[in-house]
Amino acid sequence: MSLKGVRVGFCMTGSFCTFEKAFGAAQALKDRGAQLVPIMSFNASSISTRFAAAKDNIERLEAIAQAPVIRTIEDAEPIGPQKLCDVMAVVPCTSNTAAKLALGIVDTPAAMAVKSHLRNERPVVIAISTNDAFGACAKNVGALQAMRNYYFVPYGQDNFLGKPRSAVADMGKVCETVEQALYGKQIQPMVLAART
């Protein structure tokens, strides 16, 4: 399916080890014709790590999206009232952001972007990436899966021997998940076989 003309809010939160694949997902959406509205959480836009400097991450997302990154709560708030996005994709989505979304806490640009977008009853795609998806965060993942308008990129344990509670979404399935979510469908299977 072509995503030509589809406005995708592409919201990155601080699972830095998955940023490389997240940038690949953003590029894949762009290559299919999507218009990206780039958003970053406070952590995603301000923390430099061994993976990359914060400014380099911002510049890279802006280069893909060809638009400035939304990095403040104030700038994220108009997303809903102005109906800027047809679908919102949180790629990657940390356990911290998942908890905020499940509990209605709005204290980051990412949480505000999703909350504002949801006022229009439009889909939100979650690409979970956390070391405790099957631990403390499990209840929040489950809560989001039970809520209207949330769709999950297929995910599974990325290292069940070394990190038995960890799960990461298959970033190669972001485009397909977005496409299905636009039709109100959850891509299947949602939970993938574990990897060692």
C-alpha atoms as a PDB file:
ATOM      1  CA  MET A   1       0.000   0.000   0.000  1.00  0.00           C
ATOM      2  CA  SER A   2       1.168   3.518  -0.744  1.00  0.00           C
ATOM      3  CA  LEU A   3       1.173   6.010   2.102  1.00  0.00           C
ATOM      4  CA  LYS A   4       1.249   8.938  -0.304  1.00  0.00           C
ATOM      5  CA  GLY A   5      -0.173  11.990   1.392  1.00  0.00           C
ATOM      6  CA  VAL A   6      -0.717  10.240   4.740  1.00  0.00           C
ATOM      7  CA  ARG A   7       0.433  12.474   7.593  1.00  0.00           C
ATOM      8  CA  VAL A   8       2.335  10.379  10.113  1.00  0.00           C
ATOM      9  CA  GLY A   9       3.353  11.796  13.470  1.00  0.00           C
ATOM     10  CA  PHE A  10       6.707  10.093  14.058  1.00  0.00           C
ATOM     11  CA  CYS A  11       7.420  10.313  17.752  1.00  0.00           C
ATOM     12  CA  MET A  12      10.730   9.060  19.162  1.00  0.00           C
ATOM     13  CA  THR A  13      11.260   8.354  22.863  1.00  0.00           C
ATOM     14  CA  GLY A  14      14.459   7.428  24.668  1.00  0.00           C
ATOM     15  CA  SER A  15      15.227   3.813  23.832  1.00  0.00           C
ATOM     16  CA  PHE A  16      18.533   4.873  22.307  1.00  0.00           C
ATOM     17  CA  CYS A  17      19.742   1.382  21.390  1.00  0.00           C
ATOM     18  CA  THR A  18      16.889   1.123  18.863  1.00  0.00           C
ATOM     19  CA  PHE A  19      17.322   4.568  17.295  1.00  0.00           C
ATOM     20  CA  GLU A  20      19.178   3.252  14.250  1.00  0.00           C
ATOM     21  CA  LYS A  21      16.280   0.949  13.358  1.00  0.00           C
ATOM     22  CA  ALA A  22      13.772   3.683  14.241  1.00  0.00           C
ATOM     23  CA  PHE A  23      15.431   6.035  11.762  1.00  0.00           C
ATOM     24  CA  GLY A  24      15.178   3.234   9.209  1.00  0.00           C
ATOM     25  CA  ALA A  25      11.440   2.970   9.916  1.00  0.00           C
ATOM     26  CA  ALA A  26      11.038   6.723   9.486  1.00  0.00           C
ATOM     27  CA  GLN A  27      12.836   6.554   6.139  1.00  0.00           C
ATOM     28  CA  ALA A  28      10.675   3.612   5.037  1.00  0.00           C
ATOM     29  CA  LEU A  29       7.514   5.581   5.815  1.00  0.00           C
ATOM     30  CA  LYS A  30       8.887   8.558   3.876  1.00  0.00           C
ATOM     31  CA  ASP A  31       9.825   6.312   0.953  1.00  0.00           C
ATOM     32  CA  ARG A  32       6.213   5.112   0.781  1.00  0.00           C
ATOM     33  CA  GLY A  33       5.039   8.690   0.404  1.00  0.00           C
ATOM     34  CA  ALA A  34       4.145   9.579   3.997  1.00  0.00           C
ATOM     35  CA  GLN A  35       4.484  13.144   5.208  1.00  0.00           C
ATOM     36  CA  LEU A  36       6.262  12.946   8.560  1.00  0.00           C
ATOM     37  CA  VAL A  37       5.584  15.220  11.513  1.00  0.00           C
ATOM     38  CA  PRO A  38       8.687  14.570  13.649  1.00  0.00           C
ATOM     39  CA  ILE A  39       8.396  14.625  17.453  1.00  0.00           C
ATOM     40  CA  MET A  40      10.913  13.745  20.176  1.00  0.00           C
ATOM     41  CA  SER A  41      10.482  13.312  23.906  1.00  0.00           C
ATOM     42  CA  PHE A  42      12.598  15.461  26.202  1.00  0.00           C
ATOM     43  CA  ASN A  43      15.029  12.566  26.729  1.00  0.00           C
ATOM     44  CA  ALA A  44      15.220  11.598  23.071  1.00  0.00           C
ATOM     45  CA  SER A  45      16.109  15.152  22.062  1.00  0.00           C
ATOM     46  CA  SER A  46      18.460  16.071  24.891  1.00  0.00           C
ATOM     47  CA  ILE A  47      20.500  13.034  25.985  1.00  0.00           C
ATOM     48  CA  SER A  48      23.719  12.136  24.210  1.00  0.00           C
ATOM     49  CA  THR A  49      24.711   8.475  24.489  1.00  0.00           C
ATOM     50  CA  ARG A  50      27.328   6.060  23.179  1.00  0.00           C
ATOM     51  CA  PHE A  51      25.013   5.560  20.200  1.00  0.00           C
ATOM     52  CA  ALA A  52      24.919   9.212  19.094  1.00  0.00           C
ATOM     53  CA  ALA A  53      24.926  12.818  20.239  1.00  0.00           C
ATOM     54  CA  ALA A  54      21.523  14.378  20.911  1.00  0.00           C
ATOM     55  CA  LYS A  55      22.012  17.082  18.264  1.00  0.00           C
ATOM     56  CA  ASP A  56      22.895  14.436  15.682  1.00  0.00           C
ATOM     57  CA  ASN A  57      19.692  12.527  16.427  1.00  0.00           C
ATOM     58  CA  ILE A  58      17.626  15.675  16.011  1.00  0.00           C
ATOM     59  CA  GLU A  59      19.367  16.563  12.760  1.00  0.00           C
ATOM     60  CA  ARG A  60      18.946  13.066  11.399  1.00  0.00           C
ATOM     61  CA  LEU A  61      15.201  12.939  12.069  1.00  0.00           C
ATOM     62  CA  GLU A  62      14.759  16.419  10.612  1.00  0.00           C
ATOM     63  CA  ALA A  63      16.663  15.395   7.487  1.00  0.00           C
ATOM     64  CA  ILE A  64      14.399  12.382   6.980  1.00  0.00           C
ATOM     65  CA  ALA A  65      11.168  14.248   7.732  1.00  0.00           C
ATOM     66  CA  GLN A  66      12.243  17.476   6.017  1.00  0.00           C
ATOM     67  CA  ALA A  67      10.619  19.320   8.907  1.00  0.00           C
ATOM     68  CA  PRO A  68      11.700  20.665  12.306  1.00  0.00           C
ATOM     69  CA  VAL A  69      11.370  18.301  15.254  1.00  0.00           C
ATOM     70  CA  ILE A  70       8.668  19.150  17.797  1.00  0.00           C
ATOM     71  CA  ARG A  71      10.490  19.125  21.153  1.00  0.00           C
ATOM     72  CA  THR A  72       8.237  20.959  23.605  1.00  0.00           C
ATOM     73  CA  ILE A  73       4.845  20.304  25.173  1.00  0.00           C
ATOM     74  CA  GLU A  74       3.619  23.661  23.878  1.00  0.00           C
ATOM     75  CA  ASP A  75       4.538  22.802  20.293  1.00  0.00           C
ATOM     76  CA  ALA A  76       2.990  19.320  20.531  1.00  0.00           C
ATOM     77  CA  GLU A  77      -0.379  20.510  21.857  1.00  0.00           C
ATOM     78  CA  PRO A  78      -1.736  21.871  18.506  1.00  0.00           C
ATOM     79  CA  ILE A  79      -1.360  18.451  16.824  1.00  0.00           C
ATOM     80  CA  GLY A  80      -4.915  17.508  17.773  1.00  0.00           C
ATOM     81  CA  PRO A  81      -6.768  20.811  17.430  1.00  0.00           C
ATOM     82  CA  GLN A  82      -5.164  21.443  14.039  1.00  0.00           C
ATOM     83  CA  LYS A  83      -5.590  17.785  12.976  1.00  0.00           C
ATOM     84  CA  LEU A  84      -1.965  17.650  11.828  1.00  0.00           C
ATOM     85  CA  CYS A  85      -1.684  13.829  11.704  1.00  0.00           C
ATOM     86  CA  ASP A  86      -3.714  10.969  10.278  1.00  0.00           C
ATOM     87  CA  VAL A  87      -1.823   8.470  12.439  1.00  0.00           C
ATOM     88  CA  MET A  88       0.705   8.799  15.257  1.00  0.00           C
ATOM     89  CA  ALA A  89       3.599   6.319  15.500  1.00  0.00           C
ATOM     90  CA  VAL A  90       5.660   6.156  18.713  1.00  0.00           C
ATOM     91  CA  VAL A  91       8.890   4.562  17.492  1.00  0.00           C
ATOM     92  CA  PRO A  92      10.485   3.507  19.802  1.00  0.00           C
ATOM     93  CA  CYS A  93       8.114   3.640  22.775  1.00  0.00           C
ATOM     94  CA  THR A  94       9.805   3.228  26.163  1.00  0.00           C
ATOM     95  CA  SER A  95       8.165   1.749  29.244  1.00  0.00           C
ATOM     96  CA  ASN A  96       8.184   5.252  30.718  1.00  0.00           C
ATOM     97  CA  THR A  97       6.131   6.626  27.827  1.00  0.00           C
ATOM     98  CA  ALA A  98       3.852   3.569  27.788  1.00  0.00           C
ATOM     99  CA  ALA A  99       3.101   4.138  31.481  1.00  0.00           C
ATOM    100  CA  LYS A 100       2.323   7.796  30.888  1.00  0.00           C
ATOM    101  CA  LEU A 101      -0.030   6.960  28.023  1.00  0.00           C
ATOM    102  CA  ALA A 102      -1.770   4.188  29.984  1.00  0.00           C
ATOM    103  CA  LEU A 103      -2.304   6.480  32.971  1.00  0.00           C
ATOM    104  CA  GLY A 104      -3.076   9.703  31.121  1.00  0.00           C
ATOM    105  CA  ILE A 105       0.035  11.545  32.310  1.00  0.00           C
ATOM    106  CA  VAL A 106       1.008  14.374  29.966  1.00  0.00           C
ATOM    107  CA  ASP A 107       4.379  15.823  30.952  1.00  0.00           C
ATOM    108  CA  THR A 108       6.510  15.307  27.831  1.00  0.00           C
ATOM    109  CA  PRO A 109       6.194  16.326  24.164  1.00  0.00           C
ATOM    110  CA  ALA A 110       5.636  12.646  23.284  1.00  0.00           C
ATOM    111  CA  ALA A 111       2.762  12.163  25.717  1.00  0.00           C
ATOM    112  CA  MET A 112       1.192  15.458  24.683  1.00  0.00           C
ATOM    113  CA  ALA A 113       1.492  14.593  20.991  1.00  0.00           C
ATOM    114  CA  VAL A 114      -0.356  11.317  21.514  1.00  0.00           C
ATOM    115  CA  LYS A 115      -2.991  12.785  23.828  1.00  0.00           C
ATOM    116  CA  SER A 116      -3.648  15.685  21.490  1.00  0.00           C
ATOM    117  CA  HIS A 117      -3.833  13.369  18.467  1.00  0.00           C
ATOM    118  CA  LEU A 118      -6.270  10.988  20.209  1.00  0.00           C
ATOM    119  CA  ARG A 119      -8.874  13.719  20.636  1.00  0.00           C
ATOM    120  CA  ASN A 120      -9.669  13.103  16.960  1.00  0.00           C
ATOM    121  CA  GLU A 121     -10.186   9.329  17.461  1.00  0.00           C
ATOM    122  CA  ARG A 122      -7.281   8.613  15.132  1.00  0.00           C
ATOM    123  CA  PRO A 123      -4.884   5.648  15.420  1.00  0.00           C
ATOM    124  CA  VAL A 124      -1.735   5.506  17.518  1.00  0.00           C
ATOM    125  CA  VAL A 125       0.910   2.912  16.659  1.00  0.00           C
ATOM    126  CA  ILE A 126       3.203   1.752  19.474  1.00  0.00           C
ATOM    127  CA  ALA A 127       6.623   0.204  18.789  1.00  0.00           C
ATOM    128  CA  ILE A 128       7.502  -0.960  22.294  1.00  0.00           C
ATOM    129  CA  SER A 129      11.150  -1.137  23.311  1.00  0.00           C
ATOM    130  CA  THR A 130      11.867  -1.777  26.968  1.00  0.00           C
ATOM    131  CA  ASN A 131      13.762  -4.065  29.292  1.00  0.00           C
ATOM    132  CA  ASP A 132      10.659  -4.623  31.430  1.00  0.00           C
ATOM    133  CA  ALA A 133       7.835  -5.211  28.932  1.00  0.00           C
ATOM    134  CA  PHE A 134       7.139  -8.528  30.666  1.00  0.00           C
ATOM    135  CA  GLY A 135       7.893  -7.126  34.120  1.00  0.00           C
ATOM    136  CA  ALA A 136       6.744  -3.881  35.741  1.00  0.00           C
ATOM    137  CA  CYS A 137       5.597  -2.442  32.404  1.00  0.00           C
ATOM    138  CA  ALA A 138       3.451  -5.441  31.444  1.00  0.00           C
ATOM    139  CA  LYS A 139       0.320  -3.952  33.011  1.00  0.00           C
ATOM    140  CA  ASN A 140       0.770  -0.743  31.005  1.00  0.00           C
ATOM    141  CA  VAL A 141       1.328  -2.581  27.723  1.00  0.00           C
ATOM    142  CA  GLY A 142      -1.799  -4.611  28.452  1.00  0.00           C
ATOM    143  CA  ALA A 143      -3.788  -1.508  29.334  1.00  0.00           C
ATOM    144  CA  LEU A 144      -2.848   0.165  26.049  1.00  0.00           C
ATOM    145  CA  GLN A 145      -3.745  -2.956  24.088  1.00  0.00           C
ATOM    146  CA  ALA A 146      -7.206  -2.828  25.670  1.00  0.00           C
ATOM    147  CA  MET A 147      -7.737   0.850  24.792  1.00  0.00           C
ATOM    148  CA  ARG A 148      -9.385   2.113  21.626  1.00  0.00           C
ATOM    149  CA  ASN A 149      -7.203   3.483  18.835  1.00  0.00           C
ATOM    150  CA  TYR A 150      -3.938   1.856  19.982  1.00  0.00           C
ATOM    151  CA  TYR A 151      -2.154  -0.584  17.665  1.00  0.00           C
ATOM    152  CA  PHE A 152       1.114  -2.404  18.333  1.00  0.00           C
ATOM    153  CA  VAL A 153       4.005  -3.088  16.018  1.00  0.00           C
ATOM    154  CA  PRO A 154       4.677  -6.836  16.444  1.00  0.00           C
ATOM    155  CA  TYR A 155       7.102  -7.347  19.315  1.00  0.00           C
ATOM    156  CA  GLY A 156       8.889 -10.149  21.109  1.00  0.00           C
ATOM    157  CA  GLN A 157      11.612 -10.979  23.569  1.00  0.00           C
ATOM    158  CA  ASP A 158      14.895  -9.831  22.080  1.00  0.00           C
ATOM    159  CA  ASN A 159      17.151 -11.813  24.456  1.00  0.00           C
ATOM    160  CA  PHE A 160      15.166 -14.113  26.727  1.00  0.00           C
ATOM    161  CA  LEU A 161      18.294 -15.628  28.276  1.00  0.00           C
ATOM    162  CA  GLY A 162      20.107 -12.398  29.106  1.00  0.00           C
ATOM    163  CA  LYS A 163      17.055 -10.125  29.548  1.00  0.00           C
ATOM    164  CA  PRO A 164      14.004 -12.305  30.231  1.00  0.00           C
ATOM    165  CA  ARG A 165      11.579  -9.377  30.692  1.00  0.00           C
ATOM    166  CA  SER A 166      12.774  -7.361  27.700  1.00  0.00           C
ATOM    167  CA  ALA A 167      10.875  -6.891  24.458  1.00  0.00           C
ATOM    168  CA  VAL A 168      11.498  -4.939  21.277  1.00  0.00           C
ATOM    169  CA  ALA A 169       9.192  -4.251  18.356  1.00  0.00           C
ATOM    170  CA  ASP A 170      10.150  -5.447  14.894  1.00  0.00           C
ATOM    171  CA  MET A 171      10.971  -2.048  13.383  1.00  0.00           C
ATOM    172  CA  GLY A 172      10.778  -3.588   9.922  1.00  0.00           C
ATOM    173  CA  LYS A 173       7.008  -3.911  10.439  1.00  0.00           C
ATOM    174  CA  VAL A 174       6.290  -0.284  11.302  1.00  0.00           C
ATOM    175  CA  CYS A 175       5.004   0.585   7.812  1.00  0.00           C
ATOM    176  CA  GLU A 176       2.691  -2.410   7.657  1.00  0.00           C
ATOM    177  CA  THR A 177       1.371  -1.710  11.156  1.00  0.00           C
ATOM    178  CA  VAL A 178       0.681   1.912  10.243  1.00  0.00           C
ATOM    179  CA  GLU A 179      -1.131   0.830   7.076  1.00  0.00           C
ATOM    180  CA  GLN A 180      -3.348  -1.627   8.969  1.00  0.00           C
ATOM    181  CA  ALA A 181      -4.008   0.853  11.781  1.00  0.00           C
ATOM    182  CA  LEU A 182      -5.377   3.349   9.270  1.00  0.00           C
ATOM    183  CA  TYR A 183      -8.085   0.739   8.582  1.00  0.00           C
ATOM    184  CA  GLY A 184      -8.648   0.034  12.272  1.00  0.00           C
ATOM    185  CA  LYS A 185      -6.878  -3.327  12.173  1.00  0.00           C
ATOM    186  CA  GLN A 186      -4.164  -4.758  14.410  1.00  0.00           C
ATOM    187  CA  ILE A 187      -1.421  -6.484  12.438  1.00  0.00           C
ATOM    188  CA  GLN A 188      -1.007 -10.145  13.359  1.00  0.00           C
ATOM    189  CA  PRO A 189       0.711 -11.905  14.911  1.00  0.00           C
ATOM    190  CA  MET A 190       1.209  -9.153  17.449  1.00  0.00           C
ATOM    191  CA  VAL A 191       3.556 -11.144  19.691  1.00  0.00           C
ATOM    192  CA  LEU A 192       6.543 -12.734  17.953  1.00  0.00           C
ATOM    193  CA  ALA A 193       8.613 -15.793  18.794  1.00  0.00           C
ATOM    194  CA  ALA A 194      11.405 -15.088  21.266  1.00  0.00           C
ATOM    195  CA  ARG A 195      14.980 -14.586  20.107  1.00  0.00           C
ATOM    196  CA  THR A 196      18.130 -15.482  22.034  1.00  0.00           C
END
